[in-house]
N, C-alpha and C. Protein backbone atom coordinates (compact mmCIF):
# COMPACT_ATOMS: atom_id res chain seq x y z
N MET A 1 102.52 85.72 114.34
CA MET A 1 102.10 87.09 114.18
C MET A 1 101.95 87.42 112.69
N TRP A 2 102.91 87.05 111.87
CA TRP A 2 102.83 87.35 110.45
C TRP A 2 102.83 86.07 109.69
N PRO A 3 102.05 85.75 108.78
CA PRO A 3 100.90 86.45 108.23
C PRO A 3 99.73 86.40 109.19
N PRO A 4 98.73 87.25 108.97
CA PRO A 4 97.58 87.29 109.88
C PRO A 4 96.85 85.95 109.92
N ASP A 5 96.33 85.62 111.10
CA ASP A 5 95.58 84.38 111.25
C ASP A 5 94.26 84.49 110.48
N PRO A 6 93.93 83.47 109.67
CA PRO A 6 92.70 83.55 108.87
C PRO A 6 91.43 83.40 109.69
N GLU A 7 91.47 82.71 110.82
CA GLU A 7 90.27 82.51 111.62
C GLU A 7 90.55 82.90 113.07
N PRO A 8 89.54 83.38 113.78
CA PRO A 8 89.74 83.78 115.17
C PRO A 8 89.91 82.57 116.08
N ASP A 9 90.33 82.85 117.32
CA ASP A 9 90.50 81.79 118.30
C ASP A 9 89.14 81.14 118.59
N PRO A 10 89.09 79.80 118.68
CA PRO A 10 87.80 79.15 118.92
C PRO A 10 87.33 79.29 120.37
N ASP A 11 88.19 79.69 121.28
CA ASP A 11 87.84 79.78 122.70
C ASP A 11 87.66 81.25 123.10
N PRO A 12 86.43 81.80 123.00
CA PRO A 12 86.24 83.21 123.32
C PRO A 12 86.37 83.48 124.81
N GLU A 13 86.73 84.72 125.13
CA GLU A 13 86.85 85.17 126.52
C GLU A 13 85.47 85.42 127.10
N PRO A 14 85.35 85.48 128.42
CA PRO A 14 84.06 85.84 129.03
C PRO A 14 83.62 87.23 128.61
N ALA A 15 82.34 87.52 128.74
CA ALA A 15 81.73 88.75 128.21
C ALA A 15 82.31 90.02 128.83
N GLY A 16 82.79 90.01 130.05
CA GLY A 16 83.27 91.21 130.71
C GLY A 16 84.69 91.60 130.32
N ARG A 17 85.43 90.74 129.70
CA ARG A 17 86.84 91.02 129.38
C ARG A 17 87.03 91.12 127.87
N THR A 18 87.93 92.01 127.45
CA THR A 18 88.24 92.14 126.03
C THR A 18 89.62 91.57 125.77
N GLN A 19 89.79 91.03 124.61
CA GLN A 19 91.09 90.48 124.23
C GLN A 19 91.99 91.61 123.75
N PRO A 20 93.28 91.58 124.12
CA PRO A 20 94.18 92.60 123.59
C PRO A 20 94.44 92.40 122.10
N SER A 21 94.30 91.19 121.59
CA SER A 21 94.54 90.96 120.17
C SER A 21 93.31 91.28 119.32
N ALA A 22 92.20 91.68 119.94
CA ALA A 22 91.00 92.00 119.18
C ALA A 22 91.20 93.25 118.33
N ALA A 23 92.06 94.14 118.75
CA ALA A 23 92.32 95.36 117.99
C ALA A 23 93.31 95.13 116.86
N LEU A 24 94.01 94.02 116.87
CA LEU A 24 95.04 93.77 115.86
C LEU A 24 94.52 93.69 114.43
N PRO A 25 93.40 93.02 114.14
CA PRO A 25 92.96 92.98 112.74
C PRO A 25 92.71 94.37 112.16
N GLY A 26 92.21 95.30 112.96
CA GLY A 26 92.00 96.66 112.48
C GLY A 26 93.31 97.37 112.22
N LEU A 27 94.28 97.15 113.09
CA LEU A 27 95.58 97.78 112.90
C LEU A 27 96.37 97.13 111.77
N ARG A 28 96.14 95.85 111.55
CA ARG A 28 96.84 95.16 110.48
C ARG A 28 96.45 95.68 109.10
N ALA A 29 95.30 96.31 109.02
CA ALA A 29 94.87 96.87 107.74
C ALA A 29 95.79 98.02 107.33
N LEU A 30 96.45 98.66 108.29
CA LEU A 30 97.36 99.76 107.97
C LEU A 30 98.75 99.29 107.57
N LEU A 31 99.06 98.03 107.84
CA LEU A 31 100.38 97.51 107.48
C LEU A 31 100.43 97.19 105.99
N PRO A 32 101.59 97.40 105.37
CA PRO A 32 101.72 97.05 103.96
C PRO A 32 101.61 95.54 103.76
N ALA A 33 101.16 95.17 102.60
CA ALA A 33 101.02 93.75 102.27
C ALA A 33 102.40 93.11 102.16
N ARG A 34 102.46 91.84 102.50
CA ARG A 34 103.73 91.14 102.47
C ARG A 34 104.28 91.05 101.03
N ALA A 35 103.40 90.90 100.07
CA ALA A 35 103.84 90.82 98.68
C ALA A 35 104.52 92.12 98.25
N PHE A 36 103.98 93.27 98.70
CA PHE A 36 104.61 94.54 98.36
C PHE A 36 105.96 94.69 99.04
N LEU A 37 106.05 94.31 100.30
CA LEU A 37 107.31 94.44 101.03
C LEU A 37 108.40 93.53 100.48
N CYS A 38 108.00 92.43 99.85
CA CYS A 38 108.98 91.52 99.25
C CYS A 38 109.36 91.92 97.83
N SER A 39 108.62 92.85 97.25
CA SER A 39 108.94 93.29 95.89
C SER A 39 110.15 94.23 95.92
N LEU A 40 110.73 94.46 94.77
CA LEU A 40 111.91 95.32 94.68
C LEU A 40 111.58 96.75 95.09
N LYS A 41 110.45 97.27 94.64
CA LYS A 41 110.05 98.63 95.00
C LYS A 41 109.81 98.75 96.50
N GLY A 42 109.18 97.75 97.10
CA GLY A 42 108.96 97.76 98.53
C GLY A 42 110.25 97.73 99.33
N ARG A 43 111.18 96.91 98.89
CA ARG A 43 112.49 96.85 99.57
C ARG A 43 113.25 98.16 99.44
N LEU A 44 113.20 98.76 98.26
CA LEU A 44 113.88 100.04 98.08
C LEU A 44 113.27 101.13 98.95
N LEU A 45 111.94 101.19 99.01
CA LEU A 45 111.29 102.19 99.86
C LEU A 45 111.56 101.95 101.34
N LEU A 46 111.61 100.68 101.75
CA LEU A 46 111.97 100.39 103.14
C LEU A 46 113.40 100.81 103.44
N ALA A 47 114.31 100.53 102.51
CA ALA A 47 115.71 100.93 102.71
C ALA A 47 115.84 102.44 102.75
N GLU A 48 115.13 103.14 101.87
CA GLU A 48 115.18 104.61 101.86
C GLU A 48 114.64 105.18 103.16
N THR A 49 113.54 104.62 103.65
CA THR A 49 112.95 105.09 104.89
C THR A 49 113.88 104.83 106.07
N GLY A 50 114.41 103.62 106.14
CA GLY A 50 115.30 103.27 107.24
C GLY A 50 116.59 104.07 107.24
N LEU A 51 117.22 104.20 106.08
CA LEU A 51 118.46 104.97 106.00
C LEU A 51 118.22 106.44 106.32
N SER A 52 117.12 106.99 105.84
CA SER A 52 116.83 108.40 106.14
C SER A 52 116.63 108.61 107.63
N PHE A 53 115.96 107.68 108.30
CA PHE A 53 115.77 107.81 109.74
C PHE A 53 117.10 107.69 110.49
N ILE A 54 117.94 106.74 110.09
CA ILE A 54 119.25 106.58 110.73
C ILE A 54 120.10 107.83 110.54
N ILE A 55 120.09 108.38 109.34
CA ILE A 55 120.86 109.59 109.06
C ILE A 55 120.33 110.76 109.89
N PHE A 56 119.01 110.86 110.00
CA PHE A 56 118.41 111.91 110.82
C PHE A 56 118.88 111.81 112.27
N VAL A 57 118.86 110.60 112.82
CA VAL A 57 119.30 110.40 114.20
C VAL A 57 120.78 110.74 114.35
N CYS A 58 121.60 110.36 113.39
CA CYS A 58 123.03 110.69 113.45
C CYS A 58 123.25 112.20 113.41
N TYR A 59 122.53 112.91 112.57
CA TYR A 59 122.70 114.36 112.52
C TYR A 59 122.18 115.05 113.78
N VAL A 60 121.16 114.49 114.40
CA VAL A 60 120.68 115.05 115.67
C VAL A 60 121.76 114.94 116.73
N ALA A 61 122.49 113.84 116.75
CA ALA A 61 123.53 113.61 117.76
C ALA A 61 124.86 114.25 117.41
N SER A 62 124.99 114.84 116.24
CA SER A 62 126.29 115.37 115.82
C SER A 62 126.34 116.89 115.94
N SER A 63 127.51 117.41 115.64
CA SER A 63 127.67 118.87 115.62
C SER A 63 127.21 119.46 114.30
N ALA A 64 126.89 118.62 113.32
CA ALA A 64 126.41 119.07 112.02
C ALA A 64 124.89 119.08 112.01
N SER A 65 124.30 119.66 113.03
CA SER A 65 122.85 119.63 113.16
C SER A 65 122.14 120.49 112.12
N ALA A 66 122.88 121.30 111.40
CA ALA A 66 122.28 122.10 110.34
C ALA A 66 121.76 121.23 109.20
N PHE A 67 122.25 120.01 109.11
CA PHE A 67 121.87 119.12 108.02
C PHE A 67 120.71 118.20 108.37
N LEU A 68 120.13 118.31 109.55
CA LEU A 68 119.12 117.33 109.95
C LEU A 68 117.78 117.52 109.28
N THR A 69 117.54 118.65 108.66
CA THR A 69 116.25 118.87 108.00
C THR A 69 116.08 118.01 106.76
N ALA A 70 117.14 117.88 105.97
CA ALA A 70 117.04 117.10 104.73
C ALA A 70 116.71 115.63 105.00
N PRO A 71 117.40 114.94 105.93
CA PRO A 71 117.00 113.55 106.19
C PRO A 71 115.60 113.42 106.77
N LEU A 72 115.18 114.39 107.57
CA LEU A 72 113.83 114.34 108.12
C LEU A 72 112.79 114.44 107.01
N LEU A 73 112.98 115.38 106.09
CA LEU A 73 112.04 115.52 104.97
C LEU A 73 112.05 114.29 104.07
N GLU A 74 113.24 113.75 103.80
CA GLU A 74 113.33 112.56 102.96
C GLU A 74 112.71 111.36 103.65
N PHE A 75 112.87 111.27 104.96
CA PHE A 75 112.23 110.18 105.71
C PHE A 75 110.71 110.28 105.59
N LEU A 76 110.17 111.47 105.78
CA LEU A 76 108.72 111.65 105.70
C LEU A 76 108.19 111.40 104.29
N LEU A 77 108.93 111.87 103.28
CA LEU A 77 108.50 111.63 101.90
C LEU A 77 108.56 110.15 101.54
N ALA A 78 109.64 109.48 101.95
CA ALA A 78 109.75 108.05 101.67
C ALA A 78 108.66 107.27 102.39
N LEU A 79 108.34 107.70 103.61
CA LEU A 79 107.27 107.05 104.36
C LEU A 79 105.92 107.26 103.68
N CYS A 80 105.69 108.46 103.16
CA CYS A 80 104.44 108.74 102.43
C CYS A 80 104.34 107.90 101.16
N PHE A 81 105.43 107.80 100.41
CA PHE A 81 105.40 106.99 99.19
C PHE A 81 105.30 105.51 99.51
N LEU A 82 105.91 105.07 100.62
CA LEU A 82 105.77 103.68 101.03
C LEU A 82 104.31 103.38 101.34
N PHE A 83 103.66 104.26 102.08
CA PHE A 83 102.25 104.08 102.41
C PHE A 83 101.39 104.15 101.15
N ALA A 84 101.67 105.11 100.28
CA ALA A 84 100.87 105.27 99.06
C ALA A 84 101.00 104.06 98.13
N ASP A 85 102.22 103.56 97.98
CA ASP A 85 102.41 102.39 97.12
C ASP A 85 101.83 101.13 97.75
N ALA A 86 101.96 101.00 99.06
CA ALA A 86 101.44 99.81 99.73
C ALA A 86 99.91 99.78 99.71
N MET A 87 99.29 100.93 99.84
CA MET A 87 97.82 101.00 99.81
C MET A 87 97.28 101.20 98.40
N GLN A 88 98.14 101.19 97.41
CA GLN A 88 97.81 101.33 95.99
C GLN A 88 97.03 102.61 95.71
N LEU A 89 97.46 103.69 96.34
CA LEU A 89 96.82 104.98 96.11
C LEU A 89 97.12 105.52 94.72
N ASN A 90 98.23 105.06 94.13
CA ASN A 90 98.56 105.50 92.77
C ASN A 90 97.53 105.01 91.76
N ASP A 91 96.88 103.87 92.05
CA ASP A 91 95.80 103.39 91.17
C ASP A 91 94.49 104.12 91.44
N LYS A 92 94.30 104.56 92.68
CA LYS A 92 93.04 105.21 93.04
C LYS A 92 93.02 106.68 92.64
N TRP A 93 94.15 107.35 92.74
CA TRP A 93 94.23 108.78 92.41
C TRP A 93 94.98 108.92 91.09
N GLN A 94 94.25 108.87 90.01
CA GLN A 94 94.85 108.91 88.68
C GLN A 94 95.29 110.31 88.26
N GLY A 95 94.80 111.34 88.92
CA GLY A 95 95.12 112.71 88.52
C GLY A 95 96.56 113.10 88.79
N LEU A 96 97.22 112.40 89.71
CA LEU A 96 98.61 112.71 90.04
C LEU A 96 99.54 111.85 89.18
N CYS A 97 100.64 112.42 88.79
CA CYS A 97 101.63 111.66 88.01
C CYS A 97 102.62 111.03 89.00
N TRP A 98 102.26 109.85 89.51
CA TRP A 98 103.04 109.20 90.56
C TRP A 98 104.46 108.86 90.13
N PRO A 99 104.68 108.29 88.94
CA PRO A 99 106.07 107.96 88.58
C PRO A 99 106.97 109.20 88.50
N MET A 100 106.42 110.32 88.00
CA MET A 100 107.24 111.53 87.90
C MET A 100 107.54 112.09 89.29
N MET A 101 106.55 112.08 90.18
CA MET A 101 106.80 112.56 91.55
C MET A 101 107.82 111.68 92.26
N ASP A 102 107.72 110.37 92.09
CA ASP A 102 108.67 109.46 92.71
C ASP A 102 110.06 109.64 92.11
N PHE A 103 110.13 109.83 90.80
CA PHE A 103 111.41 110.05 90.14
C PHE A 103 112.07 111.33 90.65
N LEU A 104 111.32 112.42 90.73
CA LEU A 104 111.89 113.67 91.22
C LEU A 104 112.29 113.57 92.69
N ARG A 105 111.52 112.85 93.48
CA ARG A 105 111.88 112.64 94.89
C ARG A 105 113.21 111.91 95.00
N CYS A 106 113.39 110.88 94.19
CA CYS A 106 114.62 110.09 94.25
C CYS A 106 115.83 110.87 93.74
N VAL A 107 115.65 111.62 92.66
CA VAL A 107 116.77 112.39 92.10
C VAL A 107 117.21 113.46 93.09
N THR A 108 116.27 114.22 93.63
CA THR A 108 116.65 115.28 94.57
C THR A 108 117.25 114.69 95.84
N ALA A 109 116.71 113.57 96.32
CA ALA A 109 117.26 112.95 97.52
C ALA A 109 118.69 112.48 97.29
N ALA A 110 118.95 111.86 96.14
CA ALA A 110 120.30 111.39 95.85
C ALA A 110 121.28 112.55 95.78
N LEU A 111 120.89 113.64 95.12
CA LEU A 111 121.78 114.79 95.02
C LEU A 111 122.02 115.46 96.38
N ILE A 112 120.96 115.63 97.15
CA ILE A 112 121.09 116.28 98.45
C ILE A 112 121.91 115.42 99.40
N TYR A 113 121.65 114.13 99.45
CA TYR A 113 122.42 113.25 100.32
C TYR A 113 123.89 113.22 99.94
N PHE A 114 124.16 113.22 98.65
CA PHE A 114 125.55 113.22 98.20
C PHE A 114 126.27 114.49 98.65
N ALA A 115 125.61 115.63 98.48
CA ALA A 115 126.24 116.91 98.84
C ALA A 115 126.45 117.04 100.35
N ILE A 116 125.43 116.71 101.14
CA ILE A 116 125.61 116.89 102.59
C ILE A 116 126.51 115.81 103.18
N SER A 117 126.59 114.65 102.55
CA SER A 117 127.49 113.61 103.04
C SER A 117 128.94 114.01 102.84
N ILE A 118 129.25 114.58 101.68
CA ILE A 118 130.62 115.05 101.44
C ILE A 118 130.97 116.13 102.46
N THR A 119 130.06 117.06 102.69
CA THR A 119 130.32 118.14 103.63
C THR A 119 130.46 117.61 105.06
N ALA A 120 129.62 116.68 105.45
CA ALA A 120 129.66 116.15 106.81
C ALA A 120 130.95 115.38 107.07
N VAL A 121 131.40 114.61 106.10
CA VAL A 121 132.62 113.82 106.28
C VAL A 121 133.86 114.72 106.26
N ALA A 122 133.87 115.72 105.38
CA ALA A 122 135.06 116.56 105.21
C ALA A 122 135.18 117.66 106.27
N LYS A 123 134.08 118.23 106.70
CA LYS A 123 134.15 119.43 107.52
C LYS A 123 134.03 119.16 109.03
N TYR A 124 133.23 118.19 109.43
CA TYR A 124 132.94 117.99 110.85
C TYR A 124 133.76 116.82 111.40
N PRO A 125 134.40 117.02 112.56
CA PRO A 125 135.32 115.99 113.07
C PRO A 125 134.67 114.90 113.93
N ASP A 126 133.45 115.10 114.42
CA ASP A 126 132.89 114.11 115.36
C ASP A 126 132.42 112.85 114.64
N GLY A 127 132.31 111.78 115.41
CA GLY A 127 131.96 110.47 114.86
C GLY A 127 130.55 110.39 114.32
N ALA A 128 129.61 111.10 114.96
CA ALA A 128 128.22 111.04 114.49
C ALA A 128 128.08 111.68 113.11
N SER A 129 128.82 112.74 112.87
CA SER A 129 128.78 113.38 111.55
C SER A 129 129.38 112.47 110.49
N LYS A 130 130.47 111.81 110.85
CA LYS A 130 131.09 110.88 109.91
C LYS A 130 130.16 109.69 109.63
N ALA A 131 129.49 109.19 110.66
CA ALA A 131 128.54 108.08 110.47
C ALA A 131 127.37 108.52 109.60
N ALA A 132 126.87 109.73 109.84
CA ALA A 132 125.78 110.25 109.01
C ALA A 132 126.24 110.40 107.56
N GLY A 133 127.48 110.82 107.36
CA GLY A 133 128.01 110.95 106.01
C GLY A 133 128.12 109.61 105.31
N VAL A 134 128.59 108.60 106.03
CA VAL A 134 128.73 107.26 105.42
C VAL A 134 127.35 106.68 105.09
N PHE A 135 126.40 106.80 106.03
CA PHE A 135 125.04 106.35 105.74
C PHE A 135 124.42 107.17 104.61
N GLY A 136 124.81 108.44 104.51
CA GLY A 136 124.34 109.29 103.42
C GLY A 136 124.82 108.80 102.06
N PHE A 137 126.06 108.31 102.02
CA PHE A 137 126.56 107.74 100.76
C PHE A 137 125.79 106.48 100.39
N PHE A 138 125.48 105.64 101.39
CA PHE A 138 124.66 104.46 101.12
C PHE A 138 123.26 104.86 100.64
N ALA A 139 122.70 105.88 101.27
CA ALA A 139 121.37 106.36 100.85
C ALA A 139 121.42 106.92 99.44
N THR A 140 122.51 107.59 99.09
CA THR A 140 122.67 108.10 97.73
C THR A 140 122.61 106.95 96.72
N ILE A 141 123.27 105.85 97.04
CA ILE A 141 123.27 104.69 96.14
C ILE A 141 121.86 104.09 96.03
N VAL A 142 121.17 103.96 97.17
CA VAL A 142 119.82 103.38 97.15
C VAL A 142 118.86 104.27 96.36
N PHE A 143 118.92 105.58 96.59
CA PHE A 143 118.04 106.49 95.85
C PHE A 143 118.40 106.49 94.36
N ALA A 144 119.70 106.39 94.04
CA ALA A 144 120.10 106.36 92.63
C ALA A 144 119.60 105.09 91.94
N ILE A 145 119.65 103.96 92.63
CA ILE A 145 119.10 102.72 92.06
C ILE A 145 117.60 102.87 91.82
N ASP A 146 116.93 103.48 92.77
CA ASP A 146 115.48 103.66 92.65
C ASP A 146 115.13 104.56 91.46
N PHE A 147 115.84 105.69 91.31
CA PHE A 147 115.46 106.56 90.19
C PHE A 147 115.89 105.96 88.86
N TYR A 148 116.93 105.13 88.84
CA TYR A 148 117.31 104.44 87.61
C TYR A 148 116.21 103.46 87.19
N LEU A 149 115.68 102.70 88.16
CA LEU A 149 114.62 101.75 87.84
C LEU A 149 113.33 102.45 87.43
N ILE A 150 113.01 103.57 88.08
CA ILE A 150 111.83 104.33 87.70
C ILE A 150 112.00 104.87 86.28
N PHE A 151 113.18 105.38 85.98
CA PHE A 151 113.45 105.92 84.63
C PHE A 151 113.29 104.83 83.58
N ASN A 152 113.80 103.62 83.85
CA ASN A 152 113.66 102.53 82.89
C ASN A 152 112.19 102.13 82.70
N ASP A 153 111.42 102.10 83.77
CA ASP A 153 110.00 101.77 83.65
C ASP A 153 109.25 102.82 82.84
N VAL A 154 109.54 104.08 83.08
CA VAL A 154 108.87 105.15 82.33
C VAL A 154 109.28 105.11 80.86
N ALA A 155 110.56 104.84 80.60
CA ALA A 155 111.03 104.76 79.21
C ALA A 155 110.37 103.60 78.47
N LYS A 156 110.23 102.45 79.13
CA LYS A 156 109.54 101.31 78.50
C LYS A 156 108.09 101.66 78.20
N PHE A 157 107.44 102.32 79.15
CA PHE A 157 106.04 102.70 78.96
C PHE A 157 105.90 103.65 77.78
N LEU A 158 106.79 104.64 77.68
CA LEU A 158 106.72 105.60 76.58
C LEU A 158 107.02 104.95 75.24
N LYS A 159 107.94 103.99 75.20
CA LYS A 159 108.23 103.27 73.96
C LYS A 159 107.03 102.45 73.52
N GLN A 160 106.34 101.82 74.46
CA GLN A 160 105.15 101.05 74.11
C GLN A 160 104.06 101.97 73.59
N GLU A 161 103.91 103.12 74.20
CA GLU A 161 102.90 104.08 73.76
C GLU A 161 103.22 104.60 72.37
N ASP A 162 104.51 104.89 72.11
CA ASP A 162 104.91 105.37 70.79
C ASP A 162 104.71 104.30 69.73
N SER A 163 105.03 103.04 70.04
CA SER A 163 104.86 101.98 69.05
C SER A 163 103.38 101.75 68.77
N ALA A 164 102.54 101.89 69.78
CA ALA A 164 101.09 101.74 69.57
C ALA A 164 100.57 102.87 68.69
N GLN A 165 101.07 104.08 68.88
CA GLN A 165 100.65 105.21 68.05
C GLN A 165 101.13 105.05 66.61
N GLU A 166 102.36 104.51 66.46
CA GLU A 166 102.88 104.29 65.11
C GLU A 166 102.06 103.26 64.36
N THR A 167 101.66 102.18 65.03
CA THR A 167 100.88 101.15 64.34
C THR A 167 99.50 101.68 63.96
N THR A 168 98.89 102.49 64.80
CA THR A 168 97.59 103.06 64.43
C THR A 168 97.76 104.09 63.31
N ALA A 169 98.87 104.82 63.30
CA ALA A 169 99.12 105.78 62.23
C ALA A 169 99.38 105.05 60.92
N ASP A 170 100.11 103.92 60.98
CA ASP A 170 100.38 103.13 59.78
C ASP A 170 99.08 102.56 59.21
N LYS A 171 98.20 102.08 60.09
CA LYS A 171 96.92 101.54 59.64
C LYS A 171 96.07 102.63 59.00
N ALA A 172 96.10 103.81 59.57
CA ALA A 172 95.32 104.92 59.02
C ALA A 172 95.87 105.31 57.65
N GLU A 173 97.19 105.31 57.48
CA GLU A 173 97.79 105.63 56.19
C GLU A 173 97.43 104.59 55.14
N GLU A 174 97.43 103.30 55.55
CA GLU A 174 97.08 102.25 54.61
C GLU A 174 95.62 102.38 54.17
N GLU A 175 94.75 102.70 55.11
CA GLU A 175 93.35 102.87 54.75
C GLU A 175 93.16 104.07 53.84
N ASP A 176 93.88 105.15 54.10
CA ASP A 176 93.78 106.32 53.24
C ASP A 176 94.31 106.04 51.85
N SER A 177 95.42 105.30 51.76
CA SER A 177 96.00 105.01 50.46
C SER A 177 95.11 104.04 49.67
N ASP A 178 94.45 103.12 50.36
CA ASP A 178 93.52 102.20 49.68
C ASP A 178 92.31 102.94 49.14
N SER A 179 91.79 103.88 49.88
CA SER A 179 90.61 104.60 49.42
C SER A 179 90.94 105.57 48.29
N ASP A 180 92.17 106.07 48.24
CA ASP A 180 92.57 106.99 47.18
C ASP A 180 92.79 106.28 45.86
N SER A 181 93.18 105.02 45.90
CA SER A 181 93.49 104.31 44.67
C SER A 181 92.23 103.91 43.91
N ASP A 182 91.08 103.92 44.53
CA ASP A 182 89.85 103.56 43.85
C ASP A 182 89.37 104.61 42.97
């Protein structure tokens, strides 16, 4: 099944019948690439999506149902970013600041999960609330790792941009000083 077969079956079906696997190549286009899923960013987004869904299910089954909106929103946002990164929409839509949006998503998710996990574990006595709280602490760690890595990438990018501006400014100063000495 995975990776996709490069060539179709050599034995076609009769004209009146359709193959159930004939629709698979079209649907496989919607799946993320294996290289992306094996990358660190892909694994983090998969973990964020999975943990958010598990936490949502735990809050649905618990008496702390007031907290189920936050995991649902985080699940949908993580799923959107997973799809956007897998389909490389960040390269296609340059007008949006993708790293900043992803950074803010991760920071707010980590803070919200931390707060509702403490409340769920401390205030509600049922097992589903406690399970949601424990998974919430794990999600806090995953989101914190993600925003730390995003912050480091943005900081490296800004340092490279600053050093490039400094070298062009130094060259301009040298040219100005050379022309003044004549």
